[in-house]
Amino acid sequence: MALGLNALLSAVNTIYSRYPIARNRPIKGYLQVVAIVVWVFAVILIIAKNLRQSPWFFLSGIGAMTAILLLVFRDTQLRLAACRT
């Protein structure tokens, strides 16, 4: 499924690149972001299938780890944001 969606995104990019507007407004970066999201979900589904768990179990685990990382590195993130403004 992920391979098919990746091929579809590649075909969309190829077709779009033939139009003259593609020189001023490329969409390759957006398509690559979509492809990364598709592959991440595919990997989560494969791991969930192999371990006989619900994919929501792994997604909630990823969310919990992200929340902990945000708490741990909160000061670092605030300093980084303060330096950029």
PDB file of N, CA and C in Angstrom:
ATOM      1  N   MET A   1       0.819  -1.186   0.000  1.00  0.00           N
ATOM      2  CA  MET A   1       0.000   0.000   0.000  1.00  0.00           C
ATOM      3  C   MET A   1       0.873   1.264   0.000  1.00  0.00           C
ATOM      4  N   ALA A   2       1.892   1.280   0.873  1.00  0.00           N
ATOM      5  CA  ALA A   2       2.772   2.441   0.936  1.00  0.00           C
ATOM      6  C   ALA A   2       3.560   2.598  -0.360  1.00  0.00           C
ATOM      7  N   LEU A   3       3.956   1.480  -0.946  1.00  0.00           N
ATOM      8  CA  LEU A   3       4.672   1.555  -2.228  1.00  0.00           C
ATOM      9  C   LEU A   3       3.783   2.133  -3.318  1.00  0.00           C
ATOM     10  N   GLY A   4       2.518   1.745  -3.311  1.00  0.00           N
ATOM     11  CA  GLY A   4       1.575   2.270  -4.295  1.00  0.00           C
ATOM     12  C   GLY A   4       1.343   3.764  -4.125  1.00  0.00           C
ATOM     13  N   LEU A   5       1.191   4.212  -2.873  1.00  0.00           N
ATOM     14  CA  LEU A   5       1.011   5.641  -2.634  1.00  0.00           C
ATOM     15  C   LEU A   5       2.265   6.429  -2.983  1.00  0.00           C
ATOM     16  N   ASN A   6       3.428   5.836  -2.728  1.00  0.00           N
ATOM     17  CA  ASN A   6       4.679   6.488  -3.095  1.00  0.00           C
ATOM     18  C   ASN A   6       4.789   6.631  -4.611  1.00  0.00           C
ATOM     19  N   ALA A   7       4.399   5.596  -5.329  1.00  0.00           N
ATOM     20  CA  ALA A   7       4.412   5.660  -6.790  1.00  0.00           C
ATOM     21  C   ALA A   7       3.410   6.686  -7.307  1.00  0.00           C
ATOM     22  N   LEU A   8       2.248   6.765  -6.662  1.00  0.00           N
ATOM     23  CA  LEU A   8       1.242   7.749  -7.050  1.00  0.00           C
ATOM     24  C   LEU A   8       1.762   9.171  -6.836  1.00  0.00           C
ATOM     25  N   LEU A   9       2.414   9.416  -5.716  1.00  0.00           N
ATOM     26  CA  LEU A   9       2.978  10.739  -5.452  1.00  0.00           C
ATOM     27  C   LEU A   9       4.072  11.091  -6.450  1.00  0.00           C
ATOM     28  N   SER A  10       4.857  10.107  -6.815  1.00  0.00           N
ATOM     29  CA  SER A  10       5.896  10.329  -7.822  1.00  0.00           C
ATOM     30  C   SER A  10       5.277  10.658  -9.182  1.00  0.00           C
ATOM     31  N   ALA A  11       4.192   9.973  -9.518  1.00  0.00           N
ATOM     32  CA  ALA A  11       3.504  10.246 -10.788  1.00  0.00           C
ATOM     33  C   ALA A  11       2.888  11.643 -10.772  1.00  0.00           C
ATOM     34  N   VAL A  12       2.320  12.041  -9.651  1.00  0.00           N
ATOM     35  CA  VAL A  12       1.750  13.385  -9.543  1.00  0.00           C
ATOM     36  C   VAL A  12       2.842  14.426  -9.744  1.00  0.00           C
ATOM     37  N   ASN A  13       4.007  14.203  -9.151  1.00  0.00           N
ATOM     38  CA  ASN A  13       5.116  15.136  -9.316  1.00  0.00           C
ATOM     39  C   ASN A  13       5.584  15.193 -10.764  1.00  0.00           C
ATOM     40  N   THR A  14       5.661  14.057 -11.418  1.00  0.00           N
ATOM     41  CA  THR A  14       6.096  14.016 -12.815  1.00  0.00           C
ATOM     42  C   THR A  14       5.113  14.743 -13.712  1.00  0.00           C
ATOM     43  N   ILE A  15       3.834  14.512 -13.504  1.00  0.00           N
ATOM     44  CA  ILE A  15       2.815  15.166 -14.328  1.00  0.00           C
ATOM     45  C   ILE A  15       2.802  16.671 -14.065  1.00  0.00           C
ATOM     46  N   TYR A  16       2.893  17.052 -12.792  1.00  0.00           N
ATOM     47  CA  TYR A  16       2.867  18.473 -12.450  1.00  0.00           C
ATOM     48  C   TYR A  16       4.090  19.202 -12.996  1.00  0.00           C
ATOM     49  N   SER A  17       5.235  18.540 -13.026  1.00  0.00           N
ATOM     50  CA  SER A  17       6.455  19.198 -13.485  1.00  0.00           C
ATOM     51  C   SER A  17       6.414  19.536 -14.971  1.00  0.00           C
ATOM     52  N   ARG A  18       5.478  18.973 -15.716  1.00  0.00           N
ATOM     53  CA  ARG A  18       5.353  19.272 -17.146  1.00  0.00           C
ATOM     54  C   ARG A  18       4.670  20.608 -17.404  1.00  0.00           C
ATOM     55  N   TYR A  19       3.954  21.118 -16.432  1.00  0.00           N
ATOM     56  CA  TYR A  19       3.248  22.379 -16.604  1.00  0.00           C
ATOM     57  C   TYR A  19       4.188  23.548 -16.356  1.00  0.00           C
ATOM     58  N   PRO A  20       3.957  24.667 -17.049  1.00  0.00           N
ATOM     59  CA  PRO A  20       4.855  25.820 -16.869  1.00  0.00           C
ATOM     60  C   PRO A  20       4.811  26.427 -15.456  1.00  0.00           C
ATOM     61  N   ILE A  21       3.700  26.292 -14.778  1.00  0.00           N
ATOM     62  CA  ILE A  21       3.588  26.857 -13.424  1.00  0.00           C
ATOM     63  C   ILE A  21       4.489  26.123 -12.436  1.00  0.00           C
ATOM     64  N   ALA A  22       4.914  24.926 -12.781  1.00  0.00           N
ATOM     65  CA  ALA A  22       5.747  24.118 -11.876  1.00  0.00           C
ATOM     66  C   ALA A  22       7.110  24.762 -11.644  1.00  0.00           C
ATOM     67  N   ARG A  23       7.550  25.612 -12.562  1.00  0.00           N
ATOM     68  CA  ARG A  23       8.852  26.268 -12.370  1.00  0.00           C
ATOM     69  C   ARG A  23       8.797  27.289 -11.246  1.00  0.00           C
ATOM     70  N   ASN A  24       7.661  27.950 -11.105  1.00  0.00           N
ATOM     71  CA  ASN A  24       7.521  28.974 -10.066  1.00  0.00           C
ATOM     72  C   ASN A  24       7.003  28.414  -8.752  1.00  0.00           C
ATOM     73  N   ARG A  25       6.226  27.342  -8.823  1.00  0.00           N
ATOM     74  CA  ARG A  25       5.605  26.759  -7.631  1.00  0.00           C
ATOM     75  C   ARG A  25       5.798  25.247  -7.590  1.00  0.00           C
ATOM     76  N   PRO A  26       6.983  24.799  -7.218  1.00  0.00           N
ATOM     77  CA  PRO A  26       7.203  23.350  -7.146  1.00  0.00           C
ATOM     78  C   PRO A  26       6.467  22.738  -5.949  1.00  0.00           C
ATOM     79  N   ILE A  27       6.037  21.507  -6.119  1.00  0.00           N
ATOM     80  CA  ILE A  27       5.317  20.812  -5.043  1.00  0.00           C
ATOM     81  C   ILE A  27       6.078  19.588  -4.554  1.00  0.00           C
ATOM     82  N   LYS A  28       7.288  19.410  -5.016  1.00  0.00           N
ATOM     83  CA  LYS A  28       8.046  18.218  -4.658  1.00  0.00           C
ATOM     84  C   LYS A  28       8.261  18.107  -3.148  1.00  0.00           C
ATOM     85  N   GLY A  29       8.548  19.209  -2.483  1.00  0.00           N
ATOM     86  CA  GLY A  29       8.751  19.190  -1.039  1.00  0.00           C
ATOM     87  C   GLY A  29       7.505  18.747  -0.282  1.00  0.00           C
ATOM     88  N   TYR A  30       6.350  19.244  -0.703  1.00  0.00           N
ATOM     89  CA  TYR A  30       5.090  18.846  -0.069  1.00  0.00           C
ATOM     90  C   TYR A  30       4.818  17.361  -0.280  1.00  0.00           C
ATOM     91  N   LEU A  31       5.098  16.896  -1.483  1.00  0.00           N
ATOM     92  CA  LEU A  31       4.879  15.476  -1.770  1.00  0.00           C
ATOM     93  C   LEU A  31       5.822  14.597  -0.960  1.00  0.00           C
ATOM     94  N   GLN A  32       7.034  15.069  -0.726  1.00  0.00           N
ATOM     95  CA  GLN A  32       7.969  14.302   0.088  1.00  0.00           C
ATOM     96  C   GLN A  32       7.523  14.234   1.544  1.00  0.00           C
ATOM     97  N   VAL A  33       6.938  15.314   2.055  1.00  0.00           N
ATOM     98  CA  VAL A  33       6.402  15.297   3.423  1.00  0.00           C
ATOM     99  C   VAL A  33       5.263  14.290   3.527  1.00  0.00           C
ATOM    100  N   VAL A  34       4.387  14.283   2.530  1.00  0.00           N
ATOM    101  CA  VAL A  34       3.283  13.310   2.515  1.00  0.00           C
ATOM    102  C   VAL A  34       3.836  11.890   2.448  1.00  0.00           C
ATOM    103  N   ALA A  35       4.878  11.674   1.652  1.00  0.00           N
ATOM    104  CA  ALA A  35       5.476  10.342   1.539  1.00  0.00           C
ATOM    105  C   ALA A  35       6.081   9.897   2.874  1.00  0.00           C
ATOM    106  N   ILE A  36       6.708  10.810   3.594  1.00  0.00           N
ATOM    107  CA  ILE A  36       7.271  10.459   4.901  1.00  0.00           C
ATOM    108  C   ILE A  36       6.170  10.066   5.870  1.00  0.00           C
ATOM    109  N   VAL A  37       5.070  10.816   5.874  1.00  0.00           N
ATOM    110  CA  VAL A  37       3.946  10.490   6.755  1.00  0.00           C
ATOM    111  C   VAL A  37       3.370   9.123   6.406  1.00  0.00           C
ATOM    112  N   VAL A  38       3.236   8.835   5.116  1.00  0.00           N
ATOM    113  CA  VAL A  38       2.719   7.533   4.674  1.00  0.00           C
ATOM    114  C   VAL A  38       3.634   6.416   5.152  1.00  0.00           C
ATOM    115  N   TRP A  39       4.936   6.598   5.019  1.00  0.00           N
ATOM    116  CA  TRP A  39       5.876   5.552   5.435  1.00  0.00           C
ATOM    117  C   TRP A  39       5.892   5.369   6.952  1.00  0.00           C
ATOM    118  N   VAL A  40       5.756   6.452   7.696  1.00  0.00           N
ATOM    119  CA  VAL A  40       5.716   6.326   9.157  1.00  0.00           C
ATOM    120  C   VAL A  40       4.497   5.525   9.582  1.00  0.00           C
ATOM    121  N   PHE A  41       3.334   5.835   8.998  1.00  0.00           N
ATOM    122  CA  PHE A  41       2.133   5.079   9.333  1.00  0.00           C
ATOM    123  C   PHE A  41       2.244   3.622   8.892  1.00  0.00           C
ATOM    124  N   ALA A  42       2.888   3.390   7.760  1.00  0.00           N
ATOM    125  CA  ALA A  42       3.072   2.014   7.292  1.00  0.00           C
ATOM    126  C   ALA A  42       3.954   1.227   8.253  1.00  0.00           C
ATOM    127  N   VAL A  43       5.014   1.849   8.738  1.00  0.00           N
ATOM    128  CA  VAL A  43       5.903   1.174   9.692  1.00  0.00           C
ATOM    129  C   VAL A  43       5.169   0.889  10.998  1.00  0.00           C
ATOM    130  N   ILE A  44       4.371   1.852  11.467  1.00  0.00           N
ATOM    131  CA  ILE A  44       3.601   1.631  12.694  1.00  0.00           C
ATOM    132  C   ILE A  44       2.616   0.484  12.507  1.00  0.00           C
ATOM    133  N   LEU A  45       1.958   0.436  11.359  1.00  0.00           N
ATOM    134  CA  LEU A  45       1.013  -0.654  11.102  1.00  0.00           C
ATOM    135  C   LEU A  45       1.712  -2.008  11.016  1.00  0.00           C
ATOM    136  N   ILE A  46       2.880  -2.051  10.411  1.00  0.00           N
ATOM    137  CA  ILE A  46       3.631  -3.308  10.295  1.00  0.00           C
ATOM    138  C   ILE A  46       4.075  -3.792  11.674  1.00  0.00           C
ATOM    139  N   ILE A  47       4.586  -2.872  12.490  1.00  0.00           N
ATOM    140  CA  ILE A  47       5.014  -3.263  13.840  1.00  0.00           C
ATOM    141  C   ILE A  47       3.826  -3.731  14.664  1.00  0.00           C
ATOM    142  N   ALA A  48       2.698  -3.026  14.553  1.00  0.00           N
ATOM    143  CA  ALA A  48       1.502  -3.413  15.302  1.00  0.00           C
ATOM    144  C   ALA A  48       0.996  -4.777  14.864  1.00  0.00           C
ATOM    145  N   LYS A  49       1.043  -5.045  13.582  1.00  0.00           N
ATOM    146  CA  LYS A  49       0.587  -6.340  13.070  1.00  0.00           C
ATOM    147  C   LYS A  49       1.496  -7.465  13.558  1.00  0.00           C
ATOM    148  N   ASN A  50       2.806  -7.240  13.529  1.00  0.00           N
ATOM    149  CA  ASN A  50       3.737  -8.282  13.947  1.00  0.00           C
ATOM    150  C   ASN A  50       3.680  -8.557  15.452  1.00  0.00           C
ATOM    151  N   LEU A  51       3.405  -7.523  16.242  1.00  0.00           N
ATOM    152  CA  LEU A  51       3.353  -7.699  17.685  1.00  0.00           C
ATOM    153  C   LEU A  51       1.931  -7.952  18.197  1.00  0.00           C
ATOM    154  N   ARG A  52       0.990  -8.017  17.285  1.00  0.00           N
ATOM    155  CA  ARG A  52      -0.425  -8.288  17.601  1.00  0.00           C
ATOM    156  C   ARG A  52      -0.978  -7.287  18.609  1.00  0.00           C
ATOM    157  N   GLN A  53      -0.681  -6.036  18.378  1.00  0.00           N
ATOM    158  CA  GLN A  53      -1.198  -4.942  19.199  1.00  0.00           C
ATOM    159  C   GLN A  53      -1.967  -3.989  18.293  1.00  0.00           C
ATOM    160  N   SER A  54      -2.764  -3.150  18.912  1.00  0.00           N
ATOM    161  CA  SER A  54      -3.486  -2.125  18.168  1.00  0.00           C
ATOM    162  C   SER A  54      -2.506  -1.022  17.757  1.00  0.00           C
ATOM    163  N   PRO A  55      -2.660  -0.457  16.552  1.00  0.00           N
ATOM    164  CA  PRO A  55      -1.800   0.669  16.165  1.00  0.00           C
ATOM    165  C   PRO A  55      -1.973   1.865  17.105  1.00  0.00           C
ATOM    166  N   TRP A  56      -3.167   2.008  17.694  1.00  0.00           N
ATOM    167  CA  TRP A  56      -3.406   3.106  18.635  1.00  0.00           C
ATOM    168  C   TRP A  56      -2.528   2.962  19.874  1.00  0.00           C
ATOM    169  N   PHE A  57      -2.197   1.744  20.229  1.00  0.00           N
ATOM    170  CA  PHE A  57      -1.310   1.496  21.359  1.00  0.00           C
ATOM    171  C   PHE A  57       0.049   2.146  21.109  1.00  0.00           C
ATOM    172  N   PHE A  58       0.581   1.972  19.909  1.00  0.00           N
ATOM    173  CA  PHE A  58       1.885   2.534  19.574  1.00  0.00           C
ATOM    174  C   PHE A  58       1.804   4.046  19.379  1.00  0.00           C
ATOM    175  N   LEU A  59       0.718   4.525  18.797  1.00  0.00           N
ATOM    176  CA  LEU A  59       0.571   5.962  18.624  1.00  0.00           C
ATOM    177  C   LEU A  59       0.446   6.679  19.965  1.00  0.00           C
ATOM    178  N   SER A  60      -0.264   6.064  20.903  1.00  0.00           N
ATOM    179  CA  SER A  60      -0.356   6.682  22.229  1.00  0.00           C
ATOM    180  C   SER A  60       0.997   6.639  22.942  1.00  0.00           C
ATOM    181  N   GLY A  61       1.756   5.593  22.731  1.00  0.00           N
ATOM    182  CA  GLY A  61       3.101   5.521  23.295  1.00  0.00           C
ATOM    183  C   GLY A  61       4.009   6.595  22.727  1.00  0.00           C
ATOM    184  N   ILE A  62       3.901   6.840  21.435  1.00  0.00           N
ATOM    185  CA  ILE A  62       4.699   7.897  20.806  1.00  0.00           C
ATOM    186  C   ILE A  62       4.285   9.255  21.360  1.00  0.00           C
ATOM    187  N   GLY A  63       2.983   9.441  21.549  1.00  0.00           N
ATOM    188  CA  GLY A  63       2.508  10.698  22.131  1.00  0.00           C
ATOM    189  C   GLY A  63       3.002  10.899  23.545  1.00  0.00           C
ATOM    190  N   ALA A  64       3.008   9.838  24.332  1.00  0.00           N
ATOM    191  CA  ALA A  64       3.500   9.943  25.707  1.00  0.00           C
ATOM    192  C   ALA A  64       4.995  10.247  25.733  1.00  0.00           C
ATOM    193  N   MET A  65       5.759   9.605  24.866  1.00  0.00           N
ATOM    194  CA  MET A  65       7.202   9.884  24.812  1.00  0.00           C
ATOM    195  C   MET A  65       7.463  11.322  24.380  1.00  0.00           C
ATOM    196  N   THR A  66       6.671  11.827  23.451  1.00  0.00           N
ATOM    197  CA  THR A  66       6.831  13.205  23.007  1.00  0.00           C
ATOM    198  C   THR A  66       6.544  14.171  24.143  1.00  0.00           C
ATOM    199  N   ALA A  67       5.502  13.895  24.934  1.00  0.00           N
ATOM    200  CA  ALA A  67       5.180  14.764  26.066  1.00  0.00           C
ATOM    201  C   ALA A  67       6.307  14.775  27.091  1.00  0.00           C
ATOM    202  N   ILE A  68       6.900  13.636  27.348  1.00  0.00           N
ATOM    203  CA  ILE A  68       8.004  13.569  28.303  1.00  0.00           C
ATOM    204  C   ILE A  68       9.222  14.322  27.773  1.00  0.00           C
ATOM    205  N   LEU A  69       9.517  14.161  26.481  1.00  0.00           N
ATOM    206  CA  LEU A  69      10.645  14.883  25.901  1.00  0.00           C
ATOM    207  C   LEU A  69      10.423  16.388  25.931  1.00  0.00           C
ATOM    208  N   LEU A  70       9.179  16.818  25.711  1.00  0.00           N
ATOM    209  CA  LEU A  70       8.897  18.248  25.802  1.00  0.00           C
ATOM    210  C   LEU A  70       9.117  18.779  27.214  1.00  0.00           C
ATOM    211  N   LEU A  71       8.757  17.987  28.218  1.00  0.00           N
ATOM    212  CA  LEU A  71       8.980  18.417  29.597  1.00  0.00           C
ATOM    213  C   LEU A  71      10.464  18.440  29.954  1.00  0.00           C
ATOM    214  N   VAL A  72      11.195  17.454  29.484  1.00  0.00           N
ATOM    215  CA  VAL A  72      12.616  17.367  29.802  1.00  0.00           C
ATOM    216  C   VAL A  72      13.394  18.502  29.143  1.00  0.00           C
ATOM    217  N   PHE A  73      13.093  18.787  27.893  1.00  0.00           N
ATOM    218  CA  PHE A  73      13.856  19.784  27.140  1.00  0.00           C
ATOM    219  C   PHE A  73      13.136  21.124  27.033  1.00  0.00           C
ATOM    220  N   ARG A  74      12.219  21.406  27.960  1.00  0.00           N
ATOM    221  CA  ARG A  74      11.442  22.637  27.916  1.00  0.00           C
ATOM    222  C   ARG A  74      12.332  23.869  27.998  1.00  0.00           C
ATOM    223  N   ASP A  75      13.269  23.884  28.921  1.00  0.00           N
ATOM    224  CA  ASP A  75      14.144  25.048  29.084  1.00  0.00           C
ATOM    225  C   ASP A  75      15.011  25.265  27.847  1.00  0.00           C
ATOM    226  N   THR A  76      15.498  24.184  27.283  1.00  0.00           N
ATOM    227  CA  THR A  76      16.310  24.290  26.069  1.00  0.00           C
ATOM    228  C   THR A  76      15.501  24.871  24.930  1.00  0.00           C
ATOM    229  N   GLN A  77      14.276  24.434  24.794  1.00  0.00           N
ATOM    230  CA  GLN A  77      13.417  24.951  23.728  1.00  0.00           C
ATOM    231  C   GLN A  77      13.093  26.421  23.948  1.00  0.00           C
ATOM    232  N   LEU A  78      12.852  26.810  25.186  1.00  0.00           N
ATOM    233  CA  LEU A  78      12.568  28.211  25.474  1.00  0.00           C
ATOM    234  C   LEU A  78      13.767  29.097  25.186  1.00  0.00           C
ATOM    235  N   ARG A  79      14.961  28.619  25.512  1.00  0.00           N
ATOM    236  CA  ARG A  79      16.176  29.389  25.213  1.00  0.00           C
ATOM    237  C   ARG A  79      16.380  29.516  23.710  1.00  0.00           C
ATOM    238  N   LEU A  80      16.124  28.441  22.982  1.00  0.00           N
ATOM    239  CA  LEU A  80      16.267  28.483  21.533  1.00  0.00           C
ATOM    240  C   LEU A  80      15.274  29.462  20.914  1.00  0.00           C
ATOM    241  N   ALA A  81      14.051  29.462  21.412  1.00  0.00           N
ATOM    242  CA  ALA A  81      13.037  30.392  20.885  1.00  0.00           C
ATOM    243  C   ALA A  81      13.390  31.824  21.249  1.00  0.00           C
ATOM    244  N   ALA A  82      13.974  32.042  22.417  1.00  0.00           N
ATOM    245  CA  ALA A  82      14.337  33.396  22.833  1.00  0.00           C
ATOM    246  C   ALA A  82      15.501  33.942  22.015  1.00  0.00           C
ATOM    247  N   CYS A  83      16.394  33.069  21.593  1.00  0.00           N
ATOM    248  CA  CYS A  83      17.542  33.499  20.801  1.00  0.00           C
ATOM    249  C   CYS A  83      17.146  33.917  19.401  1.00  0.00           C
ATOM    250  N   ARG A  84      16.091  33.341  18.877  1.00  0.00           N
ATOM    251  CA  ARG A  84      15.686  33.627  17.505  1.00  0.00           C
ATOM    252  C   ARG A  84      14.860  34.900  17.390  1.00  0.00           C
ATOM    253  N   THR A  85      14.285  35.367  18.466  1.00  0.00           N
ATOM    254  CA  THR A  85      13.451  36.572  18.355  1.00  0.00           C
ATOM    255  C   THR A  85      14.211  37.823  18.629  1.00  0.00           C
TER     256      THR A  85
END
